[in-house]
């Protein structure tokens, strides 16, 4: 089974997810957007599976600091372009477990996913 955790190293939610995975002896690969980037294919796939509204982190500082003109008339393509230019706008974490995707971290969801 292949598990990849996508996000940013210093994010508090990422730290919680990584602590949970480590504490439950789940093997995973950590993919840091800031270091490794994220490509259009992955981002488009996540948006298709989860919905761009879920993948785009509107609550984060990076999105909130955008000029209003950039936040208006959002659709999938515009959201993907914003996230490619600013990976901090991607919801964290994105967990890919053999192609099954989960956005965000909630311990009860991880319990269900990993059978704990």
PDB file of N, CA and C in Angstrom:
ATOM      1  N   UNK A   1       0.841  -1.167   0.000  1.00  0.00           N
ATOM      2  CA  UNK A   1       0.000   0.000   0.000  1.00  0.00           C
ATOM      3  C   UNK A   1       0.894   1.242   0.000  1.00  0.00           C
ATOM      4  N   UNK A   2       0.579   2.195  -0.858  1.00  0.00           N
ATOM      5  CA  UNK A   2       1.339   3.429  -0.960  1.00  0.00           C
ATOM      6  C   UNK A   2       0.531   4.577  -0.383  1.00  0.00           C
ATOM      7  N   UNK A   3       1.137   5.297   0.549  1.00  0.00           N
ATOM      8  CA  UNK A   3       0.488   6.447   1.160  1.00  0.00           C
ATOM      9  C   UNK A   3       1.405   7.648   1.026  1.00  0.00           C
ATOM     10  N   UNK A   4       0.860   8.727   0.479  1.00  0.00           N
ATOM     11  CA  UNK A   4       1.615   9.971   0.345  1.00  0.00           C
ATOM     12  C   UNK A   4       0.834  11.076   1.026  1.00  0.00           C
ATOM     13  N   UNK A   5       1.521  11.848   1.830  1.00  0.00           N
ATOM     14  CA  UNK A   5       0.937  12.984   2.530  1.00  0.00           C
ATOM     15  C   UNK A   5       1.502  14.250   1.897  1.00  0.00           C
ATOM     16  N   UNK A   6       0.623  15.056   1.324  1.00  0.00           N
ATOM     17  CA  UNK A   6       1.028  16.286   0.640  1.00  0.00           C
ATOM     18  C   UNK A   6       0.718  17.485   1.520  1.00  0.00           C
ATOM     19  N   UNK A   7       1.674  18.407   1.602  1.00  0.00           N
ATOM     20  CA  UNK A   7       1.438  19.613   2.373  1.00  0.00           C
ATOM     21  C   UNK A   7       2.698  20.435   2.541  1.00  0.00           C
ATOM     22  N   UNK A   8       2.727  21.197   3.627  1.00  0.00           N
ATOM     23  CA  UNK A   8       3.835  22.089   3.945  1.00  0.00           C
ATOM     24  C   UNK A   8       4.345  21.727   5.335  1.00  0.00           C
ATOM     25  N   UNK A   9       5.631  21.556   5.451  1.00  0.00           N
ATOM     26  CA  UNK A   9       6.244  21.066   6.681  1.00  0.00           C
ATOM     27  C   UNK A   9       5.826  21.835   7.932  1.00  0.00           C
ATOM     28  N   UNK A  10       5.805  23.149   7.907  1.00  0.00           N
ATOM     29  CA  UNK A  10       5.592  23.930   9.121  1.00  0.00           C
ATOM     30  C   UNK A  10       4.130  24.245   9.442  1.00  0.00           C
ATOM     31  N   UNK A  11       3.215  23.682   8.719  1.00  0.00           N
ATOM     32  CA  UNK A  11       1.794  23.895   8.974  1.00  0.00           C
ATOM     33  C   UNK A  11       1.368  23.098  10.210  1.00  0.00           C
ATOM     34  N   UNK A  12       0.627  23.731  11.121  1.00  0.00           N
ATOM     35  CA  UNK A  12       0.193  23.049  12.345  1.00  0.00           C
ATOM     36  C   UNK A  12      -0.674  21.825  12.055  1.00  0.00           C
ATOM     37  N   UNK A  13      -1.565  21.923  11.080  1.00  0.00           N
ATOM     38  CA  UNK A  13      -2.415  20.786  10.736  1.00  0.00           C
ATOM     39  C   UNK A  13      -1.582  19.647  10.175  1.00  0.00           C
ATOM     40  N   UNK A  14      -0.563  19.988   9.401  1.00  0.00           N
ATOM     41  CA  UNK A  14       0.336  18.965   8.871  1.00  0.00           C
ATOM     42  C   UNK A  14       1.078  18.262  10.005  1.00  0.00           C
ATOM     43  N   UNK A  15       1.503  19.027  10.993  1.00  0.00           N
ATOM     44  CA  UNK A  15       2.213  18.438  12.128  1.00  0.00           C
ATOM     45  C   UNK A  15       1.311  17.444  12.857  1.00  0.00           C
ATOM     46  N   UNK A  16       0.031  17.786  13.008  1.00  0.00           N
ATOM     47  CA  UNK A  16      -0.918  16.882  13.663  1.00  0.00           C
ATOM     48  C   UNK A  16      -1.095  15.600  12.846  1.00  0.00           C
ATOM     49  N   UNK A  17      -1.233  15.748  11.531  1.00  0.00           N
ATOM     50  CA  UNK A  17      -1.412  14.575  10.672  1.00  0.00           C
ATOM     51  C   UNK A  17      -0.175  13.680  10.705  1.00  0.00           C
ATOM     52  N   UNK A  18       1.001  14.276  10.619  1.00  0.00           N
ATOM     53  CA  UNK A  18       2.232  13.495  10.641  1.00  0.00           C
ATOM     54  C   UNK A  18       2.416  12.804  11.993  1.00  0.00           C
ATOM     55  N   UNK A  19       2.084  13.495  13.076  1.00  0.00           N
ATOM     56  CA  UNK A  19       2.170  12.895  14.411  1.00  0.00           C
ATOM     57  C   UNK A  19       1.219  11.715  14.516  1.00  0.00           C
ATOM     58  N   UNK A  20       0.004  11.865  13.978  1.00  0.00           N
ATOM     59  CA  UNK A  20      -0.968  10.768  14.010  1.00  0.00           C
ATOM     60  C   UNK A  20      -0.426   9.573  13.231  1.00  0.00           C
ATOM     61  N   UNK A  21       0.036   9.808  12.010  1.00  0.00           N
ATOM     62  CA  UNK A  21       0.555   8.715  11.176  1.00  0.00           C
ATOM     63  C   UNK A  21       1.748   8.035  11.839  1.00  0.00           C
ATOM     64  N   UNK A  22       2.672   8.824  12.363  1.00  0.00           N
ATOM     65  CA  UNK A  22       3.848   8.250  13.033  1.00  0.00           C
ATOM     66  C   UNK A  22       3.426   7.451  14.264  1.00  0.00           C
ATOM     67  N   UNK A  23       2.488   7.993  15.037  1.00  0.00           N
ATOM     68  CA  UNK A  23       2.029   7.322  16.250  1.00  0.00           C
ATOM     69  C   UNK A  23       1.283   6.030  16.001  1.00  0.00           C
ATOM     70  N   UNK A  24       0.749   5.880  14.778  1.00  0.00           N
ATOM     71  CA  UNK A  24       0.020   4.663  14.414  1.00  0.00           C
ATOM     72  C   UNK A  24       0.834   3.776  13.478  1.00  0.00           C
ATOM     73  N   UNK A  25       2.132   4.053  13.400  1.00  0.00           N
ATOM     74  CA  UNK A  25       3.079   3.256  12.606  1.00  0.00           C
ATOM     75  C   UNK A  25       2.637   3.096  11.150  1.00  0.00           C
ATOM     76  N   UNK A  26       2.088   4.174  10.580  1.00  0.00           N
ATOM     77  CA  UNK A  26       1.690   4.157   9.167  1.00  0.00           C
ATOM     78  C   UNK A  26       2.883   4.638   8.346  1.00  0.00           C
ATOM     79  N   UNK A  27       3.302   3.805   7.407  1.00  0.00           N
ATOM     80  CA  UNK A  27       4.384   4.206   6.511  1.00  0.00           C
ATOM     81  C   UNK A  27       3.813   5.131   5.455  1.00  0.00           C
ATOM     82  N   UNK A  28       4.484   6.250   5.220  1.00  0.00           N
ATOM     83  CA  UNK A  28       4.031   7.218   4.230  1.00  0.00           C
ATOM     84  C   UNK A  28       5.223   8.010   3.714  1.00  0.00           C
ATOM     85  N   UNK A  29       5.005   8.608   2.583  1.00  0.00           N
ATOM     86  CA  UNK A  29       5.984   9.534   2.027  1.00  0.00           C
ATOM     87  C   UNK A  29       5.414  10.930   2.192  1.00  0.00           C
ATOM     88  N   UNK A  30       6.236  11.853   2.665  1.00  0.00           N
ATOM     89  CA  UNK A  30       5.808  13.236   2.817  1.00  0.00           C
ATOM     90  C   UNK A  30       6.285  14.042   1.620  1.00  0.00           C
ATOM     91  N   UNK A  31       5.351  14.713   0.961  1.00  0.00           N
ATOM     92  CA  UNK A  31       5.654  15.549  -0.197  1.00  0.00           C
ATOM     93  C   UNK A  31       5.402  16.998   0.208  1.00  0.00           C
ATOM     94  N   UNK A  32       6.469  17.775   0.316  1.00  0.00           N
ATOM     95  CA  UNK A  32       6.379  19.174   0.722  1.00  0.00           C
ATOM     96  C   UNK A  32       6.220  20.059  -0.519  1.00  0.00           C
ATOM     97  N   UNK A  33       5.077  20.748  -0.610  1.00  0.00           N
ATOM     98  CA  UNK A  33       4.814  21.636  -1.752  1.00  0.00           C
ATOM     99  C   UNK A  33       5.908  22.694  -1.912  1.00  0.00           C
ATOM    100  N   UNK A  34       6.397  23.204  -0.789  1.00  0.00           N
ATOM    101  CA  UNK A  34       7.375  24.300  -0.844  1.00  0.00           C
ATOM    102  C   UNK A  34       8.702  23.833  -1.436  1.00  0.00           C
ATOM    103  N   UNK A  35       9.042  22.574  -1.222  1.00  0.00           N
ATOM    104  CA  UNK A  35      10.319  22.044  -1.705  1.00  0.00           C
ATOM    105  C   UNK A  35      10.149  21.355  -3.056  1.00  0.00           C
ATOM    106  N   UNK A  36       9.152  20.477  -3.172  1.00  0.00           N
ATOM    107  CA  UNK A  36       8.985  19.660  -4.371  1.00  0.00           C
ATOM    108  C   UNK A  36       7.989  20.235  -5.368  1.00  0.00           C
ATOM    109  N   UNK A  37       7.208  21.229  -4.940  1.00  0.00           N
ATOM    110  CA  UNK A  37       6.194  21.796  -5.817  1.00  0.00           C
ATOM    111  C   UNK A  37       5.020  20.846  -5.988  1.00  0.00           C
ATOM    112  N   UNK A  38       4.119  21.253  -6.829  1.00  0.00           N
ATOM    113  CA  UNK A  38       2.968  20.412  -7.176  1.00  0.00           C
ATOM    114  C   UNK A  38       2.666  20.677  -8.648  1.00  0.00           C
ATOM    115  N   UNK A  39       2.361  19.630  -9.396  1.00  0.00           N
ATOM    116  CA  UNK A  39       2.133  19.808 -10.829  1.00  0.00           C
ATOM    117  C   UNK A  39       0.635  19.876 -11.141  1.00  0.00           C
ATOM    118  N   UNK A  40       0.352  20.373 -12.328  1.00  0.00           N
ATOM    119  CA  UNK A  40      -1.036  20.552 -12.762  1.00  0.00           C
ATOM    120  C   UNK A  40      -1.791  19.223 -12.777  1.00  0.00           C
ATOM    121  N   UNK A  41      -1.132  18.145 -13.159  1.00  0.00           N
ATOM    122  CA  UNK A  41      -1.816  16.850 -13.244  1.00  0.00           C
ATOM    123  C   UNK A  41      -2.334  16.412 -11.876  1.00  0.00           C
ATOM    124  N   UNK A  42      -1.493  16.510 -10.847  1.00  0.00           N
ATOM    125  CA  UNK A  42      -1.942  16.139  -9.502  1.00  0.00           C
ATOM    126  C   UNK A  42      -3.072  17.053  -9.039  1.00  0.00           C
ATOM    127  N   UNK A  43      -2.859  18.334  -9.197  1.00  0.00           N
ATOM    128  CA  UNK A  43      -3.846  19.303  -8.725  1.00  0.00           C
ATOM    129  C   UNK A  43      -5.180  19.140  -9.445  1.00  0.00           C
ATOM    130  N   UNK A  44      -5.140  18.927 -10.744  1.00  0.00           N
ATOM    131  CA  UNK A  44      -6.372  18.708 -11.505  1.00  0.00           C
ATOM    132  C   UNK A  44      -7.074  17.429 -11.064  1.00  0.00           C
ATOM    133  N   UNK A  45      -6.291  16.390 -10.801  1.00  0.00           N
ATOM    134  CA  UNK A  45      -6.857  15.126 -10.328  1.00  0.00           C
ATOM    135  C   UNK A  45      -7.508  15.275  -8.964  1.00  0.00           C
ATOM    136  N   UNK A  46      -6.850  16.013  -8.069  1.00  0.00           N
ATOM    137  CA  UNK A  46      -7.441  16.249  -6.749  1.00  0.00           C
ATOM    138  C   UNK A  46      -8.734  17.032  -6.861  1.00  0.00           C
ATOM    139  N   UNK A  47      -8.731  18.047  -7.722  1.00  0.00           N
ATOM    140  CA  UNK A  47      -9.938  18.870  -7.903  1.00  0.00           C
ATOM    141  C   UNK A  47     -11.067  18.054  -8.526  1.00  0.00           C
ATOM    142  N   UNK A  48     -10.735  17.158  -9.437  1.00  0.00           N
ATOM    143  CA  UNK A  48     -11.759  16.308 -10.056  1.00  0.00           C
ATOM    144  C   UNK A  48     -12.348  15.342  -9.023  1.00  0.00           C
ATOM    145  N   UNK A  49     -11.497  14.804  -8.157  1.00  0.00           N
ATOM    146  CA  UNK A  49     -11.957  13.812  -7.178  1.00  0.00           C
ATOM    147  C   UNK A  49     -12.641  14.435  -5.969  1.00  0.00           C
ATOM    148  N   UNK A  50     -12.105  15.549  -5.488  1.00  0.00           N
ATOM    149  CA  UNK A  50     -12.595  16.146  -4.241  1.00  0.00           C
ATOM    150  C   UNK A  50     -13.417  17.420  -4.442  1.00  0.00           C
ATOM    151  N   UNK A  51     -13.312  17.998  -5.642  1.00  0.00           N
ATOM    152  CA  UNK A  51     -13.948  19.286  -5.922  1.00  0.00           C
ATOM    153  C   UNK A  51     -12.963  20.416  -5.649  1.00  0.00           C
ATOM    154  N   UNK A  52     -12.856  21.347  -6.572  1.00  0.00           N
ATOM    155  CA  UNK A  52     -11.889  22.436  -6.397  1.00  0.00           C
ATOM    156  C   UNK A  52     -12.225  23.280  -5.162  1.00  0.00           C
ATOM    157  N   UNK A  53     -13.513  23.339  -4.813  1.00  0.00           N
ATOM    158  CA  UNK A  53     -13.928  24.117  -3.646  1.00  0.00           C
ATOM    159  C   UNK A  53     -13.345  23.527  -2.361  1.00  0.00           C
ATOM    160  N   UNK A  54     -13.133  22.215  -2.336  1.00  0.00           N
ATOM    161  CA  UNK A  54     -12.532  21.547  -1.172  1.00  0.00           C
ATOM    162  C   UNK A  54     -11.024  21.718  -1.183  1.00  0.00           C
ATOM    163  N   UNK A  55     -10.413  21.632  -2.339  1.00  0.00           N
ATOM    164  CA  UNK A  55      -8.954  21.672  -2.446  1.00  0.00           C
ATOM    165  C   UNK A  55      -8.410  23.091  -2.225  1.00  0.00           C
ATOM    166  N   UNK A  56      -9.147  24.100  -2.635  1.00  0.00           N
ATOM    167  CA  UNK A  56      -8.717  25.489  -2.454  1.00  0.00           C
ATOM    168  C   UNK A  56      -8.952  25.915  -1.005  1.00  0.00           C
ATOM    169  N   UNK A  57      -7.903  26.306  -0.333  1.00  0.00           N
ATOM    170  CA  UNK A  57      -7.981  26.731   1.067  1.00  0.00           C
ATOM    171  C   UNK A  57      -8.291  28.227   1.132  1.00  0.00           C
ATOM    172  N   UNK A  58      -9.561  28.558   1.165  1.00  0.00           N
ATOM    173  CA  UNK A  58      -9.978  29.965   1.225  1.00  0.00           C
ATOM    174  C   UNK A  58      -9.771  30.580   2.601  1.00  0.00           C
ATOM    175  N   UNK A  59      -9.617  29.747   3.623  1.00  0.00           N
ATOM    176  CA  UNK A  59      -9.467  30.255   4.993  1.00  0.00           C
ATOM    177  C   UNK A  59      -8.040  30.705   5.289  1.00  0.00           C
ATOM    178  N   UNK A  60      -7.097  30.308   4.460  1.00  0.00           N
ATOM    179  CA  UNK A  60      -5.699  30.619   4.720  1.00  0.00           C
ATOM    180  C   UNK A  60      -5.337  32.062   4.426  1.00  0.00           C
ATOM    181  N   UNK A  61      -4.248  32.488   5.028  1.00  0.00           N
ATOM    182  CA  UNK A  61      -3.758  33.858   4.875  1.00  0.00           C
ATOM    183  C   UNK A  61      -3.433  34.187   3.424  1.00  0.00           C
ATOM    184  N   UNK A  62      -2.826  33.265   2.703  1.00  0.00           N
ATOM    185  CA  UNK A  62      -2.419  33.526   1.325  1.00  0.00           C
ATOM    186  C   UNK A  62      -3.621  33.887   0.465  1.00  0.00           C
ATOM    187  N   UNK A  63      -4.711  33.131   0.589  1.00  0.00           N
ATOM    188  CA  UNK A  63      -5.910  33.428  -0.195  1.00  0.00           C
ATOM    189  C   UNK A  63      -6.535  34.746   0.261  1.00  0.00           C
ATOM    190  N   UNK A  64      -6.627  34.945   1.554  1.00  0.00           N
ATOM    191  CA  UNK A  64      -7.280  36.149   2.070  1.00  0.00           C
ATOM    192  C   UNK A  64      -6.545  37.424   1.666  1.00  0.00           C
ATOM    193  N   UNK A  65      -5.231  37.330   1.454  1.00  0.00           N
ATOM    194  CA  UNK A  65      -4.437  38.505   1.075  1.00  0.00           C
ATOM    195  C   UNK A  65      -4.520  38.828  -0.423  1.00  0.00           C
ATOM    196  N   UNK A  66      -5.113  37.940  -1.199  1.00  0.00           N
ATOM    197  CA  UNK A  66      -5.249  38.197  -2.635  1.00  0.00           C
ATOM    198  C   UNK A  66      -6.117  39.427  -2.875  1.00  0.00           C
ATOM    199  N   UNK A  67      -5.842  40.158  -3.943  1.00  0.00           N
ATOM    200  CA  UNK A  67      -6.749  41.250  -4.313  1.00  0.00           C
ATOM    201  C   UNK A  67      -8.137  40.679  -4.628  1.00  0.00           C
ATOM    202  N   UNK A  68      -9.171  41.439  -4.318  1.00  0.00           N
ATOM    203  CA  UNK A  68     -10.544  40.980  -4.532  1.00  0.00           C
ATOM    204  C   UNK A  68     -10.788  40.537  -5.974  1.00  0.00           C
ATOM    205  N   UNK A  69     -10.173  41.203  -6.926  1.00  0.00           N
ATOM    206  CA  UNK A  69     -10.372  40.860  -8.339  1.00  0.00           C
ATOM    207  C   UNK A  69      -9.940  39.419  -8.633  1.00  0.00           C
ATOM    208  N   UNK A  70      -8.898  38.949  -7.948  1.00  0.00           N
ATOM    209  CA  UNK A  70      -8.423  37.578  -8.173  1.00  0.00           C
ATOM    210  C   UNK A  70      -9.319  36.544  -7.508  1.00  0.00           C
ATOM    211  N   UNK A  71     -10.081  36.959  -6.501  1.00  0.00           N
ATOM    212  CA  UNK A  71     -10.967  36.049  -5.784  1.00  0.00           C
ATOM    213  C   UNK A  71     -12.347  35.945  -6.431  1.00  0.00           C
ATOM    214  N   UNK A  72     -12.668  36.855  -7.315  1.00  0.00           N
ATOM    215  CA  UNK A  72     -13.990  36.872  -7.941  1.00  0.00           C
ATOM    216  C   UNK A  72     -14.064  35.894  -9.106  1.00  0.00           C
ATOM    217  N   UNK A  73     -15.277  35.439  -9.359  1.00  0.00           N
ATOM    218  CA  UNK A  73     -15.568  34.564 -10.514  1.00  0.00           C
ATOM    219  C   UNK A  73     -14.674  33.322 -10.538  1.00  0.00           C
ATOM    220  N   UNK A  74     -14.463  32.729  -9.378  1.00  0.00           N
ATOM    221  CA  UNK A  74     -13.640  31.523  -9.319  1.00  0.00           C
ATOM    222  C   UNK A  74     -14.345  30.349  -9.976  1.00  0.00           C
ATOM    223  N   UNK A  75     -13.585  29.599 -10.714  1.00  0.00           N
ATOM    224  CA  UNK A  75     -14.025  28.321 -11.255  1.00  0.00           C
ATOM    225  C   UNK A  75     -12.834  27.382 -11.128  1.00  0.00           C
ATOM    226  N   UNK A  76     -12.976  26.160 -11.596  1.00  0.00           N
ATOM    227  CA  UNK A  76     -11.911  25.166 -11.420  1.00  0.00           C
ATOM    228  C   UNK A  76     -10.594  25.631 -12.034  1.00  0.00           C
ATOM    229  N   UNK A  77     -10.633  26.130 -13.240  1.00  0.00           N
ATOM    230  CA  UNK A  77      -9.389  26.535 -13.913  1.00  0.00           C
ATOM    231  C   UNK A  77      -8.707  27.689 -13.200  1.00  0.00           C
ATOM    232  N   UNK A  78      -9.477  28.673 -12.796  1.00  0.00           N
ATOM    233  CA  UNK A  78      -8.893  29.821 -12.094  1.00  0.00           C
ATOM    234  C   UNK A  78      -8.340  29.384 -10.735  1.00  0.00           C
ATOM    235  N   UNK A  79      -9.064  28.518 -10.039  1.00  0.00           N
ATOM    236  CA  UNK A  79      -8.604  28.022  -8.741  1.00  0.00           C
ATOM    237  C   UNK A  79      -7.308  27.219  -8.900  1.00  0.00           C
ATOM    238  N   UNK A  80      -7.244  26.367  -9.910  1.00  0.00           N
ATOM    239  CA  UNK A  80      -6.029  25.572 -10.146  1.00  0.00           C
ATOM    240  C   UNK A  80      -4.852  26.494 -10.462  1.00  0.00           C
ATOM    241  N   UNK A  81      -5.069  27.511 -11.283  1.00  0.00           N
ATOM    242  CA  UNK A  81      -3.995  28.460 -11.602  1.00  0.00           C
ATOM    243  C   UNK A  81      -3.504  29.175 -10.340  1.00  0.00           C
ATOM    244  N   UNK A  82      -4.425  29.582  -9.477  1.00  0.00           N
ATOM    245  CA  UNK A  82      -4.041  30.235  -8.218  1.00  0.00           C
ATOM    246  C   UNK A  82      -3.226  29.289  -7.340  1.00  0.00           C
ATOM    247  N   UNK A  83      -3.670  28.022  -7.236  1.00  0.00           N
ATOM    248  CA  UNK A  83      -2.964  27.059  -6.386  1.00  0.00           C
ATOM    249  C   UNK A  83      -1.597  26.690  -6.957  1.00  0.00           C
ATOM    250  N   UNK A  84      -1.476  26.630  -8.279  1.00  0.00           N
ATOM    251  CA  UNK A  84      -0.170  26.349  -8.879  1.00  0.00           C
ATOM    252  C   UNK A  84       0.808  27.483  -8.592  1.00  0.00           C
ATOM    253  N   UNK A  85       0.310  28.717  -8.655  1.00  0.00           N
ATOM    254  CA  UNK A  85       1.154  29.882  -8.396  1.00  0.00           C
ATOM    255  C   UNK A  85       1.454  30.041  -6.906  1.00  0.00           C
ATOM    256  N   UNK A  86       0.527  29.588  -6.051  1.00  0.00           N
ATOM    257  CA  UNK A  86       0.653  29.744  -4.600  1.00  0.00           C
ATOM    258  C   UNK A  86       0.262  28.442  -3.912  1.00  0.00           C
ATOM    259  N   UNK A  87       1.174  27.469  -3.835  1.00  0.00           N
ATOM    260  CA  UNK A  87       0.816  26.172  -3.238  1.00  0.00           C
ATOM    261  C   UNK A  87       0.285  26.266  -1.810  1.00  0.00           C
ATOM    262  N   UNK A  88       0.547  27.367  -1.118  1.00  0.00           N
ATOM    263  CA  UNK A  88       0.013  27.542   0.236  1.00  0.00           C
ATOM    264  C   UNK A  88      -1.514  27.605   0.229  1.00  0.00           C
ATOM    265  N   UNK A  89      -2.112  27.822  -0.927  1.00  0.00           N
ATOM    266  CA  UNK A  89      -3.574  27.887  -1.042  1.00  0.00           C
ATOM    267  C   UNK A  89      -4.215  26.509  -1.143  1.00  0.00           C
ATOM    268  N   UNK A  90      -3.400  25.464  -1.190  1.00  0.00           N
ATOM    269  CA  UNK A  90      -3.935  24.107  -1.274  1.00  0.00           C
ATOM    270  C   UNK A  90      -4.281  23.628   0.132  1.00  0.00           C
ATOM    271  N   UNK A  91      -5.478  23.084   0.291  1.00  0.00           N
ATOM    272  CA  UNK A  91      -5.916  22.528   1.575  1.00  0.00           C
ATOM    273  C   UNK A  91      -4.883  21.533   2.056  1.00  0.00           C
ATOM    274  N   UNK A  92      -4.623  21.565   3.359  1.00  0.00           N
ATOM    275  CA  UNK A  92      -3.618  20.664   3.913  1.00  0.00           C
ATOM    276  C   UNK A  92      -4.214  19.847   5.048  1.00  0.00           C
ATOM    277  N   UNK A  93      -3.739  18.615   5.112  1.00  0.00           N
ATOM    278  CA  UNK A  93      -2.995  17.883   4.086  1.00  0.00           C
ATOM    279  C   UNK A  93      -3.932  17.273   3.047  1.00  0.00           C
ATOM    280  N   UNK A  94      -3.336  16.867   1.947  1.00  0.00           N
ATOM    281  CA  UNK A  94      -3.992  15.973   0.997  1.00  0.00           C
ATOM    282  C   UNK A  94      -3.331  14.619   1.229  1.00  0.00           C
ATOM    283  N   UNK A  95      -4.131  13.628   1.554  1.00  0.00           N
ATOM    284  CA  UNK A  95      -3.633  12.276   1.791  1.00  0.00           C
ATOM    285  C   UNK A  95      -4.054  11.408   0.621  1.00  0.00           C
ATOM    286  N   UNK A  96      -3.079  10.775  -0.010  1.00  0.00           N
ATOM    287  CA  UNK A  96      -3.339   9.858  -1.118  1.00  0.00           C
ATOM    288  C   UNK A  96      -2.973   8.462  -0.646  1.00  0.00           C
ATOM    289  N   UNK A  97      -3.987   7.648  -0.462  1.00  0.00           N
ATOM    290  CA  UNK A  97      -3.784   6.263  -0.013  1.00  0.00           C
ATOM    291  C   UNK A  97      -4.219   5.346  -1.145  1.00  0.00           C
ATOM    292  N   UNK A  98      -3.249   4.909  -1.929  1.00  0.00           N
ATOM    293  CA  UNK A  98      -3.519   4.063  -3.099  1.00  0.00           C
ATOM    294  C   UNK A  98      -4.582   4.665  -4.007  1.00  0.00           C
ATOM    295  N   UNK A  99      -4.518   5.969  -4.207  1.00  0.00           N
ATOM    296  CA  UNK A  99      -5.458   6.643  -5.102  1.00  0.00           C
ATOM    297  C   UNK A  99      -6.717   7.159  -4.424  1.00  0.00           C
ATOM    298  N   UNK A 100      -6.985   6.740  -3.190  1.00  0.00           N
ATOM    299  CA  UNK A 100      -8.118   7.273  -2.428  1.00  0.00           C
ATOM    300  C   UNK A 100      -7.655   8.556  -1.750  1.00  0.00           C
ATOM    301  N   UNK A 101      -8.339   9.661  -2.034  1.00  0.00           N
ATOM    302  CA  UNK A 101      -7.910  10.966  -1.556  1.00  0.00           C
ATOM    303  C   UNK A 101      -8.747  11.468  -0.389  1.00  0.00           C
ATOM    304  N   UNK A 102      -8.075  12.142   0.535  1.00  0.00           N
ATOM    305  CA  UNK A 102      -8.721  12.792   1.663  1.00  0.00           C
ATOM    306  C   UNK A 102      -8.094  14.168   1.817  1.00  0.00           C
ATOM    307  N   UNK A 103      -8.920  15.186   2.031  1.00  0.00           N
ATOM    308  CA  UNK A 103      -8.414  16.547   2.244  1.00  0.00           C
ATOM    309  C   UNK A 103      -8.646  16.945   3.692  1.00  0.00           C
ATOM    310  N   UNK A 104      -7.622  17.543   4.307  1.00  0.00           N
ATOM    311  CA  UNK A 104      -7.724  17.972   5.687  1.00  0.00           C
ATOM    312  C   UNK A 104      -7.355  16.838   6.623  1.00  0.00           C
ATOM    313  N   UNK A 105      -7.286  17.161   7.911  1.00  0.00           N
ATOM    314  CA  UNK A 105      -6.960  16.140   8.906  1.00  0.00           C
ATOM    315  C   UNK A 105      -8.015  16.129   9.997  1.00  0.00           C
ATOM    316  N   UNK A 106      -8.583  14.946  10.184  1.00  0.00           N
ATOM    317  CA  UNK A 106      -9.473  14.682  11.314  1.00  0.00           C
ATOM    318  C   UNK A 106      -9.116  13.284  11.805  1.00  0.00           C
ATOM    319  N   UNK A 107      -8.726  13.148  13.077  1.00  0.00           N
ATOM    320  CA  UNK A 107      -8.282  11.847  13.593  1.00  0.00           C
ATOM    321  C   UNK A 107      -9.294  10.735  13.347  1.00  0.00           C
ATOM    322  N   UNK A 108     -10.589  11.014  13.485  1.00  0.00           N
ATOM    323  CA  UNK A 108     -11.593   9.964  13.295  1.00  0.00           C
ATOM    324  C   UNK A 108     -11.630   9.462  11.849  1.00  0.00           C
ATOM    325  N   UNK A 109     -11.341  10.325  10.894  1.00  0.00           N
ATOM    326  CA  UNK A 109     -11.287   9.902   9.492  1.00  0.00           C
ATOM    327  C   UNK A 109     -10.059   9.014   9.276  1.00  0.00           C
ATOM    328  N   UNK A 110      -8.924   9.414   9.824  1.00  0.00           N
ATOM    329  CA  UNK A 110      -7.715   8.605   9.700  1.00  0.00           C
ATOM    330  C   UNK A 110      -7.901   7.250  10.400  1.00  0.00           C
ATOM    331  N   UNK A 111      -8.604   7.235  11.554  1.00  0.00           N
ATOM    332  CA  UNK A 111      -8.898   5.976  12.243  1.00  0.00           C
ATOM    333  C   UNK A 111      -9.627   5.021  11.307  1.00  0.00           C
ATOM    334  N   UNK A 112     -10.618   5.551  10.597  1.00  0.00           N
ATOM    335  CA  UNK A 112     -11.407   4.739   9.670  1.00  0.00           C
ATOM    336  C   UNK A 112     -10.551   4.282   8.485  1.00  0.00           C
ATOM    337  N   UNK A 113      -9.784   5.199   7.920  1.00  0.00           N
ATOM    338  CA  UNK A 113      -8.955   4.871   6.757  1.00  0.00           C
ATOM    339  C   UNK A 113      -7.918   3.784   7.048  1.00  0.00           C
ATOM    340  N   UNK A 114      -7.337   3.852   8.229  1.00  0.00           N
ATOM    341  CA  UNK A 114      -6.232   2.956   8.544  1.00  0.00           C
ATOM    342  C   UNK A 114      -6.634   1.841   9.519  1.00  0.00           C
ATOM    343  N   UNK A 115      -7.937   1.719   9.781  1.00  0.00           N
ATOM    344  CA  UNK A 115      -8.441   0.618  10.572  1.00  0.00           C
ATOM    345  C   UNK A 115      -7.975   0.584  12.006  1.00  0.00           C
ATOM    346  N   UNK A 116      -7.843   1.748  12.600  1.00  0.00           N
ATOM    347  CA  UNK A 116      -7.396   1.804  14.008  1.00  0.00           C
ATOM    348  C   UNK A 116      -8.560   2.028  14.937  1.00  0.00           C
TER     349      UNK A 116
END
